[in-house]
C-alpha atoms as a PDB file:
ATOM      1  CA  MET A   1      93.889-112.662-198.447  1.00  0.00           C
ATOM      2  CA  GLY A   2      96.603-110.477-196.709  1.00  0.00           C
ATOM      3  CA  GLN A   3      95.021-107.448-197.052  1.00  0.00           C
ATOM      4  CA  ALA A   4      91.725-109.231-195.449  1.00  0.00           C
ATOM      5  CA  LEU A   5      94.189-110.541-192.898  1.00  0.00           C
ATOM      6  CA  ASN A   6      95.220-106.711-192.704  1.00  0.00           C
ATOM      7  CA  VAL A   7      91.694-104.727-192.633  1.00  0.00           C
ATOM      8  CA  ALA A   8      89.874-107.509-189.558  1.00  0.00           C
ATOM      9  CA  SER A   9      93.599-107.266-187.643  1.00  0.00           C
ATOM     10  CA  ALA A  10      93.006-103.172-187.842  1.00  0.00           C
ATOM     11  CA  MET A  11      89.254-103.943-187.507  1.00  0.00           C
ATOM     12  CA  GLY A  12      89.230-106.197-184.452  1.00  0.00           C
ATOM     13  CA  ALA A  13      87.475-108.554-186.941  1.00  0.00           C
ATOM     14  CA  TYR A  14      87.191-112.298-187.855  1.00  0.00           C
ATOM     15  CA  THR A  15      88.084-113.245-191.342  1.00  0.00           C
ATOM     16  CA  LEU A  16      88.585-117.076-192.930  1.00  0.00           C
ATOM     17  CA  SER A  17      92.780-117.933-194.408  1.00  0.00           C
ATOM     18  CA  ASP A  18      94.327-120.645-195.256  1.00  0.00           C
ATOM     19  CA  ARG A  19      97.274-121.742-193.964  1.00  0.00           C
ATOM     20  CA  GLY A  20      99.602-120.763-195.675  1.00  0.00           C
ATOM     21  CA  THR A  21      98.843-116.597-196.211  1.00  0.00           C
ATOM     22  CA  TRP A  22      98.283-117.138-192.075  1.00  0.00           C
ATOM     23  CA  LEU A  23     101.896-118.060-191.863  1.00  0.00           C
ATOM     24  CA  ARG A  24     103.948-115.378-194.105  1.00  0.00           C
ATOM     25  CA  PHE A  25     101.708-112.384-192.329  1.00  0.00           C
ATOM     26  CA  ASP A  26     103.351-110.466-189.965  1.00  0.00           C
ATOM     27  CA  ASN A  27     100.902-110.774-187.485  1.00  0.00           C
ATOM     28  CA  GLU A  28     101.557-107.769-184.818  1.00  0.00           C
ATOM     29  CA  GLY A  29      97.945-106.828-184.089  1.00  0.00           C
ATOM     30  CA  PRO A  30      95.756-108.706-182.295  1.00  0.00           C
ATOM     31  CA  LEU A  31      93.931-111.408-184.712  1.00  0.00           C
ATOM     32  CA  VAL A  32      94.640-115.125-183.502  1.00  0.00           C
ATOM     33  CA  VAL A  33      93.705-118.351-185.162  1.00  0.00           C
ATOM     34  CA  ALA A  34      90.072-119.151-183.910  1.00  0.00           C
ATOM     35  CA  VAL A  35      89.086-122.635-185.772  1.00  0.00           C
ATOM     36  CA  ASP A  36      92.383-125.206-186.775  1.00  0.00           C
ATOM     37  CA  GLY A  37      91.468-128.831-188.334  1.00  0.00           C
ATOM     38  CA  ASP A  38      88.056-129.053-188.480  1.00  0.00           C
ATOM     39  CA  LEU A  39      87.280-130.813-191.542  1.00  0.00           C
ATOM     40  CA  ARG A  40      84.746-128.590-192.639  1.00  0.00           C
ATOM     41  CA  LEU A  41      86.736-126.129-193.844  1.00  0.00           C
ATOM     42  CA  ILE A  42      90.026-128.894-195.505  1.00  0.00           C
ATOM     43  CA  ASN A  43      91.174-126.138-198.341  1.00  0.00           C
ATOM     44  CA  ARG A  44      91.126-129.580-200.907  1.00  0.00           C
ATOM     45  CA  TYR A  45      93.879-129.606-203.778  1.00  0.00           C
ATOM     46  CA  ASP A  46      93.115-131.037-207.071  1.00  0.00           C
ATOM     47  CA  VAL A  47      95.322-132.223-210.261  1.00  0.00           C
ATOM     48  CA  ILE A  48      92.771-132.363-213.102  1.00  0.00           C
ATOM     49  CA  GLN A  49      94.174-133.369-216.797  1.00  0.00           C
ATOM     50  CA  LEU A  50      92.181-131.026-219.285  1.00  0.00           C
ATOM     51  CA  ASN A  51      90.647-132.954-222.429  1.00  0.00           C
ATOM     52  CA  PRO A  52      92.881-133.607-225.585  1.00  0.00           C
ATOM     53  CA  ALA A  53      90.127-132.458-227.388  1.00  0.00           C
ATOM     54  CA  LYS A  54      89.322-130.395-225.986  1.00  0.00           C
ATOM     55  CA  HIS A  55      92.749-128.257-225.158  1.00  0.00           C
ATOM     56  CA  GLY A  56      95.337-129.263-227.749  1.00  0.00           C
ATOM     57  CA  LYS A  57      97.922-132.052-226.853  1.00  0.00           C
ATOM     58  CA  ASP A  58     100.753-130.008-226.396  1.00  0.00           C
ATOM     59  CA  LYS A  59     102.376-131.022-223.110  1.00  0.00           C
ATOM     60  CA  LEU A  60     100.234-133.462-222.799  1.00  0.00           C
ATOM     61  CA  ASP A  61     102.774-135.879-221.889  1.00  0.00           C
ATOM     62  CA  GLU A  62     104.748-133.925-219.455  1.00  0.00           C
ATOM     63  CA  ALA A  63     101.239-133.218-217.197  1.00  0.00           C
ATOM     64  CA  ARG A  64      99.897-137.155-217.069  1.00  0.00           C
ATOM     65  CA  GLU A  65     103.682-136.936-216.025  1.00  0.00           C
ATOM     66  CA  LEU A  66     103.340-134.115-213.002  1.00  0.00           C
ATOM     67  CA  ALA A  67      99.781-135.940-212.204  1.00  0.00           C
ATOM     68  CA  ASP A  68     101.448-139.453-211.652  1.00  0.00           C
ATOM     69  CA  TRP A  69     104.121-137.955-210.089  1.00  0.00           C
ATOM     70  CA  LEU A  70     101.876-135.845-207.821  1.00  0.00           C
ATOM     71  CA  VAL A  71      99.715-138.978-206.432  1.00  0.00           C
ATOM     72  CA  SER A  72     102.475-141.391-206.082  1.00  0.00           C
ATOM     73  CA  ALA A  73     103.748-142.242-202.834  1.00  0.00           C
ATOM     74  CA  GLU A  74     107.260-140.017-203.466  1.00  0.00           C
ATOM     75  CA  GLY A  75     104.842-136.876-204.134  1.00  0.00           C
ATOM     76  CA  GLN A  76     102.732-137.217-201.119  1.00  0.00           C
ATOM     77  CA  ARG A  77     105.776-137.181-199.682  1.00  0.00           C
ATOM     78  CA  ALA A  78     106.283-134.281-201.006  1.00  0.00           C
ATOM     79  CA  VAL A  79     103.622-133.208-200.321  1.00  0.00           C
ATOM     80  CA  ALA A  80     103.479-133.579-196.589  1.00  0.00           C
ATOM     81  CA  ALA A  81     107.425-132.105-196.514  1.00  0.00           C
ATOM     82  CA  TYR A  82     106.863-128.772-197.256  1.00  0.00           C
ATOM     83  CA  GLN A  83     106.687-125.955-194.825  1.00  0.00           C
ATOM     84  CA  MET A  84     107.038-123.205-193.528  1.00  0.00           C
ATOM     85  CA  HIS A  85     108.123-121.408-190.176  1.00  0.00           C
ATOM     86  CA  GLY A  86     108.444-125.603-189.142  1.00  0.00           C
ATOM     87  CA  GLU A  87     104.652-126.554-189.547  1.00  0.00           C
ATOM     88  CA  GLU A  88     102.850-128.307-192.382  1.00  0.00           C
ATOM     89  CA  LEU A  89     101.284-126.646-195.304  1.00  0.00           C
ATOM     90  CA  PHE A  90      99.734-129.210-196.420  1.00  0.00           C
ATOM     91  CA  HIS A  91      98.331-132.497-196.075  1.00  0.00           C
ATOM     92  CA  PRO A  92      98.840-135.358-198.652  1.00  0.00           C
ATOM     93  CA  SER A  93      95.490-137.154-199.731  1.00  0.00           C
ATOM     94  CA  ALA A  94      95.638-138.848-202.756  1.00  0.00           C
ATOM     95  CA  ALA A  95      94.559-142.688-201.164  1.00  0.00           C
ATOM     96  CA  SER A  96      91.532-140.986-199.718  1.00  0.00           C
ATOM     97  CA  PRO A  97      90.026-138.831-202.251  1.00  0.00           C
ATOM     98  CA  ARG A  98      86.576-136.707-201.035  1.00  0.00           C
END
């Protein structure tokens, strides 16, 4: 993704980027954020527990514990608190998944 931003900057072009890559990108060129906050561009992350019958049971309990924590109130607060350069990178959505 960083390479795409570098090419777009060098060419004066458009590209799509996730917020984290954009914030880490040392923009010394003409790039600006043209669209932000549009729900059609939401970049969701999900936690999926694999079927132990197909993928074995190694660390199944640990995986379930992580998944449970991520969707808990405490986990969702941790997701919301994660920032880069003072900007929130992830928006918790366990309470209202799409």
